[in-house]
C-alpha atoms as a PDB file:
ATOM      1  CA  MET A   1      18.632  14.724  -8.053  1.00  0.00           C
ATOM      2  CA  ILE A   2      21.620  11.762  -7.007  1.00  0.00           C
ATOM      3  CA  GLU A   3      24.591  13.122  -9.041  1.00  0.00           C
ATOM      4  CA  LYS A   4      27.449  10.395  -9.862  1.00  0.00           C
ATOM      5  CA  LYS A   5      29.448  12.440  -7.334  1.00  0.00           C
ATOM      6  CA  ASP A   6      26.994  11.455  -4.582  1.00  0.00           C
ATOM      7  CA  ILE A   7      28.253   7.633  -5.051  1.00  0.00           C
ATOM      8  CA  LEU A   8      31.269   6.482  -4.293  1.00  0.00           C
ATOM      9  CA  PRO A   9      33.610   5.175  -7.212  1.00  0.00           C
ATOM     10  CA  VAL A  10      33.061   0.853  -7.533  1.00  0.00           C
ATOM     11  CA  SER A  11      36.739   0.240  -5.814  1.00  0.00           C
ATOM     12  CA  PHE A  12      35.023   1.295  -3.001  1.00  0.00           C
ATOM     13  CA  LEU A  13      31.519  -0.605  -3.468  1.00  0.00           C
ATOM     14  CA  LYS A  14      33.544  -3.722  -4.197  1.00  0.00           C
ATOM     15  CA  LYS A  15      34.197  -4.134  -0.161  1.00  0.00           C
ATOM     16  CA  SER A  16      31.178  -2.203   1.534  1.00  0.00           C
ATOM     17  CA  PRO A  17      27.898  -1.106   0.492  1.00  0.00           C
ATOM     18  CA  PHE A  18      26.685   2.331   0.546  1.00  0.00           C
ATOM     19  CA  THR A  19      23.825   4.211   1.710  1.00  0.00           C
ATOM     20  CA  GLY A  20      22.366   7.544   0.841  1.00  0.00           C
ATOM     21  CA  SER A  21      19.044   9.155   1.004  1.00  0.00           C
ATOM     22  CA  HIS A  22      17.568  12.175  -1.088  1.00  0.00           C
ATOM     23  CA  GLN A  23      14.536  14.137   0.230  1.00  0.00           C
ATOM     24  CA  GLY A  24      12.653  11.006   1.573  1.00  0.00           C
ATOM     25  CA  MET A  25      13.729   8.715  -0.796  1.00  0.00           C
ATOM     26  CA  ARG A  26      16.532   6.370   1.375  1.00  0.00           C
ATOM     27  CA  TYR A  27      19.061   3.996  -1.207  1.00  0.00           C
ATOM     28  CA  ARG A  28      21.493   1.343  -0.688  1.00  0.00           C
ATOM     29  CA  LEU A  29      24.169   0.520  -3.256  1.00  0.00           C
ATOM     30  CA  GLU A  30      25.515  -3.067  -2.946  1.00  0.00           C
ATOM     31  CA  LYS A  31      27.901  -5.311  -4.895  1.00  0.00           C
ATOM     32  CA  ALA A  32      25.859  -8.814  -5.294  1.00  0.00           C
ATOM     33  CA  GLU A  33      25.932 -12.593  -6.705  1.00  0.00           C
ATOM     34  CA  GLY A  34      23.637 -11.835  -9.657  1.00  0.00           C
ATOM     35  CA  GLU A  35      22.791 -14.278 -12.759  1.00  0.00           C
ATOM     36  CA  GLY A  36      26.136 -14.144 -14.684  1.00  0.00           C
ATOM     37  CA  GLY A  37      28.207 -13.123 -11.839  1.00  0.00           C
ATOM     38  CA  ASP A  38      28.709  -9.394  -9.795  1.00  0.00           C
ATOM     39  CA  CYS A  39      26.324  -7.365 -10.202  1.00  0.00           C
ATOM     40  CA  LEU A  40      25.699  -3.948  -8.281  1.00  0.00           C
ATOM     41  CA  ARG A  41      22.444  -3.786  -6.767  1.00  0.00           C
ATOM     42  CA  VAL A  42      19.985  -0.501  -5.837  1.00  0.00           C
ATOM     43  CA  ILE A  43      17.489  -1.226  -3.273  1.00  0.00           C
ATOM     44  CA  LEU A  44      15.454   2.006  -2.360  1.00  0.00           C
ATOM     45  CA  TRP A  45      12.281   2.263   0.126  1.00  0.00           C
ATOM     46  CA  GLU A  46      10.879   5.675   1.836  1.00  0.00           C
ATOM     47  CA  GLY A  47      12.502   6.402   5.325  1.00  0.00           C
ATOM     48  CA  PRO A  48      12.932   7.459   8.069  1.00  0.00           C
ATOM     49  CA  TYR A  49      14.081   4.005   8.877  1.00  0.00           C
ATOM     50  CA  SER A  50      16.850   1.503   7.825  1.00  0.00           C
ATOM     51  CA  MET A  51      16.333  -0.757   5.350  1.00  0.00           C
ATOM     52  CA  ASP A  52      16.461  -3.524   7.688  1.00  0.00           C
ATOM     53  CA  ALA A  53      13.805  -1.870   9.709  1.00  0.00           C
ATOM     54  CA  THR A  54      12.049  -1.644   6.181  1.00  0.00           C
ATOM     55  CA  PRO A  55       9.353  -4.108   5.437  1.00  0.00           C
ATOM     56  CA  GLU A  56      10.436  -6.094   1.890  1.00  0.00           C
ATOM     57  CA  GLU A  57       7.322  -5.531   0.530  1.00  0.00           C
ATOM     58  CA  LYS A  58       8.090  -1.554   0.946  1.00  0.00           C
ATOM     59  CA  LYS A  59      10.942  -1.631  -0.715  1.00  0.00           C
ATOM     60  CA  GLU A  60      12.013  -1.365  -5.016  1.00  0.00           C
ATOM     61  CA  SER A  61      15.288  -3.163  -6.115  1.00  0.00           C
ATOM     62  CA  GLN A  62      17.378  -3.167  -9.417  1.00  0.00           C
ATOM     63  CA  GLU A  63      20.282  -4.747 -10.439  1.00  0.00           C
ATOM     64  CA  PHE A  64      23.178  -3.767 -12.776  1.00  0.00           C
ATOM     65  CA  VAL A  65      26.530  -4.060 -14.417  1.00  0.00           C
ATOM     66  CA  PHE A  66      28.834  -4.016 -11.722  1.00  0.00           C
ATOM     67  CA  SER A  67      31.030  -1.132 -13.193  1.00  0.00           C
ATOM     68  CA  ASP A  68      30.971   2.483 -13.693  1.00  0.00           C
ATOM     69  CA  ASP A  69      28.328   2.163 -16.395  1.00  0.00           C
ATOM     70  CA  GLY A  70      25.953  -0.211 -14.357  1.00  0.00           C
ATOM     71  CA  ILE A  71      25.981   3.194 -11.570  1.00  0.00           C
ATOM     72  CA  CYS A  72      25.518   6.142 -14.312  1.00  0.00           C
ATOM     73  CA  GLN A  73      22.242   3.460 -14.770  1.00  0.00           C
ATOM     74  CA  ALA A  74      21.704   3.245 -11.581  1.00  0.00           C
ATOM     75  CA  LEU A  75      21.896   6.725 -10.352  1.00  0.00           C
ATOM     76  CA  HIS A  76      19.136   6.935 -13.537  1.00  0.00           C
ATOM     77  CA  TRP A  77      16.791   4.709 -12.273  1.00  0.00           C
ATOM     78  CA  LEU A  78      17.130   6.070  -9.001  1.00  0.00           C
ATOM     79  CA  ASN A  79      16.286  10.191 -10.519  1.00  0.00           C
ATOM     80  CA  GLU A  80      13.459   8.573 -12.656  1.00  0.00           C
ATOM     81  CA  THR A  81      11.634   6.248  -9.650  1.00  0.00           C
ATOM     82  CA  TRP A  82      12.233   9.769  -7.280  1.00  0.00           C
ATOM     83  CA  ASP A  83      10.650  11.670 -10.247  1.00  0.00           C
ATOM     84  CA  LYS A  84       7.428   9.008 -10.810  1.00  0.00           C
ATOM     85  CA  GLN A  85       7.106   9.188  -6.886  1.00  0.00           C
ATOM     86  CA  GLN A  86       8.295  11.815  -5.110  1.00  0.00           C
ATOM     87  CA  GLU A  87       4.956  12.961  -3.805  1.00  0.00           C
ATOM     88  CA  ARG A  88       4.761   9.735  -2.173  1.00  0.00           C
ATOM     89  CA  PHE A  89       7.922   9.962  -0.461  1.00  0.00           C
ATOM     90  CA  ARG A  90       7.807  13.781   0.467  1.00  0.00           C
ATOM     91  CA  GLN A  91       4.849  12.546   2.196  1.00  0.00           C
ATOM     92  CA  ALA A  92       6.757  10.483   3.795  1.00  0.00           C
ATOM     93  CA  GLN A  93       9.189  12.613   4.861  1.00  0.00           C
ATOM     94  CA  GLU A  94       6.766  14.927   6.383  1.00  0.00           C
ATOM     95  CA  HIS A  95       5.244  12.366   8.637  1.00  0.00           C
ATOM     96  CA  TRP A  96       8.942  12.017  10.803  1.00  0.00           C
END
């Protein structure tokens, strides 16, 4: 399970994206332009490759409010996705 202590704060995300991984699931949190202004975009994909080396069709993304609450919502989404698709991520990890 990914916890808030595993993610850097909003003040860091204002200046630079954050990437991480959890048992075969890779993810990136970044500040982005949304419909109503700044938002927190979260992109996830299965490893072993970097985001840039992974085809777009193998990525999932979601946008959240750019705030501490948005980070909590993003973590919930990441953990929920992991719970639903953990077999997919584990199988991908076994092939590394």
